[in-house]
Amino acid sequence: MRRFEFVDGNSSKFWMPEVQGATFIVTYGRIGTAGQRKEKVFPDEDAALREYNKKVAEKVREGYAEVGAEAGSGAA
């Protein structure tokens, strides 16, 4: 699973997206916590992957950086 982090001043957040079948799942929160998990079901896996790629691009534009051993490994 890919992990992105944003650290700026008093803000330190993480964001972890994944796709399981037609479900797009995001775990997010403050670094050092378990965070929250949200799931969104799409009509098919292709739609879930499109959302995944769109959201990853948005987070990178917002200043999130990918971290960890799996950096750049792609969806799911």
C-alpha atoms as a PDB file:
ATOM      1  CA  MET A   1       0.000   0.000   0.000  1.00  0.00           C
ATOM      2  CA  ARG A   2       1.281   3.444  -0.877  1.00  0.00           C
ATOM      3  CA  ARG A   3       1.706   6.031   1.883  1.00  0.00           C
ATOM      4  CA  PHE A   4       1.840   9.786   1.462  1.00  0.00           C
ATOM      5  CA  GLU A   5       2.726  12.311   4.158  1.00  0.00           C
ATOM      6  CA  PHE A   6       2.339  16.053   4.521  1.00  0.00           C
ATOM      7  CA  VAL A   7       4.377  17.899   7.140  1.00  0.00           C
ATOM      8  CA  ASP A   8       4.218  21.692   7.332  1.00  0.00           C
ATOM      9  CA  GLY A   9       4.435  23.771  10.486  1.00  0.00           C
ATOM     10  CA  ASN A  10       1.978  22.287  12.989  1.00  0.00           C
ATOM     11  CA  SER A  11       0.446  19.939  10.418  1.00  0.00           C
ATOM     12  CA  SER A  12       1.645  16.346  10.065  1.00  0.00           C
ATOM     13  CA  LYS A  13      -0.774  14.114   8.175  1.00  0.00           C
ATOM     14  CA  PHE A  14      -0.715  10.819   6.331  1.00  0.00           C
ATOM     15  CA  TRP A  15      -2.885   9.480   3.510  1.00  0.00           C
ATOM     16  CA  MET A  16      -2.900   5.847   2.307  1.00  0.00           C
ATOM     17  CA  PRO A  17      -5.009   4.919  -0.749  1.00  0.00           C
ATOM     18  CA  GLU A  18      -5.770   1.427  -2.035  1.00  0.00           C
ATOM     19  CA  VAL A  19      -8.114  -0.329  -4.432  1.00  0.00           C
ATOM     20  CA  GLN A  20      -9.713  -3.681  -3.660  1.00  0.00           C
ATOM     21  CA  GLY A  21     -11.831  -4.763  -6.585  1.00  0.00           C
ATOM     22  CA  ALA A  22     -14.362  -1.996  -7.252  1.00  0.00           C
ATOM     23  CA  THR A  23     -13.762  -0.370  -3.841  1.00  0.00           C
ATOM     24  CA  PHE A  24     -11.515   2.661  -3.324  1.00  0.00           C
ATOM     25  CA  ILE A  25     -10.264   2.774   0.275  1.00  0.00           C
ATOM     26  CA  VAL A  26      -8.429   5.617   2.003  1.00  0.00           C
ATOM     27  CA  THR A  27      -6.885   5.598   5.460  1.00  0.00           C
ATOM     28  CA  TYR A  28      -5.852   9.056   6.649  1.00  0.00           C
ATOM     29  CA  GLY A  29      -5.116  11.114   9.735  1.00  0.00           C
ATOM     30  CA  ARG A  30      -2.391  12.608  11.874  1.00  0.00           C
ATOM     31  CA  ILE A  31       0.989  10.909  11.763  1.00  0.00           C
ATOM     32  CA  GLY A  32       1.332   8.737  14.860  1.00  0.00           C
ATOM     33  CA  THR A  33      -2.351   7.754  15.004  1.00  0.00           C
ATOM     34  CA  ALA A  34      -4.274   4.854  13.474  1.00  0.00           C
ATOM     35  CA  GLY A  35      -6.283   7.359  11.427  1.00  0.00           C
ATOM     36  CA  GLN A  36      -9.703   6.971   9.876  1.00  0.00           C
ATOM     37  CA  ARG A  37     -10.779   4.686   7.053  1.00  0.00           C
ATOM     38  CA  LYS A  38     -13.247   5.569   4.309  1.00  0.00           C
ATOM     39  CA  GLU A  39     -14.491   3.320   1.528  1.00  0.00           C
ATOM     40  CA  LYS A  40     -16.269   4.202  -1.695  1.00  0.00           C
ATOM     41  CA  VAL A  41     -17.718   1.511  -3.970  1.00  0.00           C
ATOM     42  CA  PHE A  42     -17.648   2.075  -7.734  1.00  0.00           C
ATOM     43  CA  PRO A  43     -19.480   0.236 -10.543  1.00  0.00           C
ATOM     44  CA  ASP A  44     -16.276  -1.594 -11.518  1.00  0.00           C
ATOM     45  CA  GLU A  45     -12.547  -1.832 -10.796  1.00  0.00           C
ATOM     46  CA  ASP A  46     -11.627   0.503 -13.675  1.00  0.00           C
ATOM     47  CA  ALA A  47     -13.731   3.285 -12.155  1.00  0.00           C
ATOM     48  CA  ALA A  48     -12.123   2.702  -8.745  1.00  0.00           C
ATOM     49  CA  LEU A  49      -8.643   2.874 -10.311  1.00  0.00           C
ATOM     50  CA  ARG A  50      -9.510   6.128 -12.099  1.00  0.00           C
ATOM     51  CA  GLU A  51     -10.565   7.638  -8.758  1.00  0.00           C
ATOM     52  CA  TYR A  52      -7.384   6.300  -7.122  1.00  0.00           C
ATOM     53  CA  ASN A  53      -5.164   7.921  -9.763  1.00  0.00           C
ATOM     54  CA  LYS A  54      -7.123  11.190  -9.624  1.00  0.00           C
ATOM     55  CA  LYS A  55      -6.853  11.413  -5.828  1.00  0.00           C
ATOM     56  CA  VAL A  56      -3.129  10.542  -5.809  1.00  0.00           C
ATOM     57  CA  ALA A  57      -2.497  13.373  -8.297  1.00  0.00           C
ATOM     58  CA  GLU A  58      -4.549  15.775  -6.137  1.00  0.00           C
ATOM     59  CA  LYS A  59      -2.614  14.901  -2.973  1.00  0.00           C
ATOM     60  CA  VAL A  60       0.738  15.335  -4.726  1.00  0.00           C
ATOM     61  CA  ARG A  61      -0.403  18.772  -5.978  1.00  0.00           C
ATOM     62  CA  GLU A  62      -1.391  19.638  -2.388  1.00  0.00           C
ATOM     63  CA  GLY A  63       2.160  18.901  -1.213  1.00  0.00           C
ATOM     64  CA  TYR A  64       1.937  15.304  -0.004  1.00  0.00           C
ATOM     65  CA  ALA A  65       5.090  13.239  -0.612  1.00  0.00           C
ATOM     66  CA  GLU A  66       5.184   9.483  -1.060  1.00  0.00           C
ATOM     67  CA  VAL A  67       7.201   7.682   1.619  1.00  0.00           C
ATOM     68  CA  GLY A  68       8.175   4.129   2.517  1.00  0.00           C
ATOM     69  CA  ALA A  69       9.690   1.100   0.832  1.00  0.00           C
ATOM     70  CA  GLU A  70       6.818   0.809  -1.642  1.00  0.00           C
ATOM     71  CA  ALA A  71       7.080   4.397  -2.932  1.00  0.00           C
ATOM     72  CA  GLY A  72       6.030   4.473  -6.557  1.00  0.00           C
ATOM     73  CA  SER A  73       4.767   0.879  -6.648  1.00  0.00           C
ATOM     74  CA  GLY A  74       1.375   1.781  -8.129  1.00  0.00           C
ATOM     75  CA  ALA A  75      -2.212   0.916  -7.270  1.00  0.00           C
ATOM     76  CA  ALA A  76      -3.190  -1.893  -4.902  1.00  0.00           C
END
